[in-house]
Amino acid sequence: MLKHLIPHFVGLLIGISGAMHAAHAALPVGISGPWYNPAQSGHGLSVELLADDRAVVFWYVYDSTGRPIFLYVEGQVTGQRIVGTAYAPRGMRFGVFDPSALSKPVWGQVAIDFDDCTHATLRWNAQSDEYGTGSMPIQRLASLAGISCTLPAQRLPPTGLYQGTLEYQSGNRGAWGVVDRQGKLWALESGMVPGPTFFGDRYGLVVTATPTQQTSAGVEVTTLSLANSWLRKLGRGENVGVGSWNLVNGISGRFSGSDPAGYLNLTGQHWIPAAEPGTRLLSPVTLALISGDYSALLGGQIFDLGVDISISGTGDVCFQYAVSSHCNFRGQLSLLEGDAGLIDFEMRDQDYPDSPVYRGRGWLTESGPGRRLVLVGDNGVFGLGMEAWRYTPLIP
């Protein structure tokens, strides 16, 4: 039985990263405890919520030959989800326990999406083909003594592509985005827009909106972040607006609030489910579909900067400025929700290696000119937002 296989760890908090910025968590402490799939009793997970919207997850499982292994996940709580990198530690000998012998290779990415206090979905995206990518339903096996748990099921805007209108005092502009399975909007303003100086331009705003509270008509949004979408952007706005999704009379979201810099005079936003004309979301998305070479253009005040992007068949990413001789950003793509056309990414600034890791969402669309990869995210201080194209040759 699973309960005999899951030991109770007290104080075993291994290497939790302090670099992850605070998310607006919506998971109660009572979520903590053992979880498993009743149809596959014999392997399972131990979930422990920590302070600062962090979590540690231990997955007691087996390799492809049937040998037991355990994975531990350094998790971040975002809404009703825990997501993070999974490690497969090895090297210590029993009875010796020499820390210098320990290695912690990355196994892949793991996420748990909680429907309520007793039901969730486990998703994984391993780096090795031995384990692959997949998902399964899980249930809570037992509750921790003396700790109650209340987590009502969420009503969320449907997952998929969305069309937005950004309302400025000087007029409206378009934007496009995606809503993930947690109801969070990730979006990018369309094209180049006038910059803060008479001789400059800026690229479109990055917008993220996180649902936090149920209402009779839908779900409220109390975290609205806006950012200029350079790879290393000019500023970040936290909690700069409020709003709600109406899920009764047609799906729509309306948010109010100004931009963090104050010079753009953004007064509101309106979002509806829609794809750009002639464009479709590639869903499910695979690394084979994503891999290849892309081109992007970052708008500057003096000149535009080209970026070459290379993505390998295993999801390794290199961003290289046209004026550079090395990868300015390196990262990894994973497909925890590839079946819904959603991409997760982690990216590190190679020119500023001490800066926090960028994390966010992406999606791949297809239209006449080719395929477009969109990435939207941040590192808690700066943001990332870009469109990259892989064009279809006119002559085969």
Foldseek 3Di string as FASTA:
>chain_A
DQVVVDDDDDPPDPDQDPLFAAADADFFQFLFAWKFDVVDRPWTKGWGADPRQWIKMKTFDAFLVRHIFIKIFGWGGHYQKTKGWIWTKDQDDPPRRDPVRIDTDTFFMWMWGDQWSFKIKIWTAGLDPRVHTDMDIMTHPDTDPPGDGGDHGADADDWDKKKKWWQAPVGIFIKIWTQDPQRKTWIWTDAWDPDPDPQFIFGTKTWIWGFDAADPFHTKTQWIKIFGADQFTDWIDTRQWIWGFGPPPATKIKIAGDHPVPRRRTGIMMMHDDDDPQKDFDALDALVNVADKWKWWGTTSNGIWIWIWGADSSFWIFIDIPPDDGGQKIWGWGPRPSNSQKIWIWIAGPVCRVRAIWIFIWGWMAGQQGIKIWTWTASNIGIHTTIIGDGDDPPD
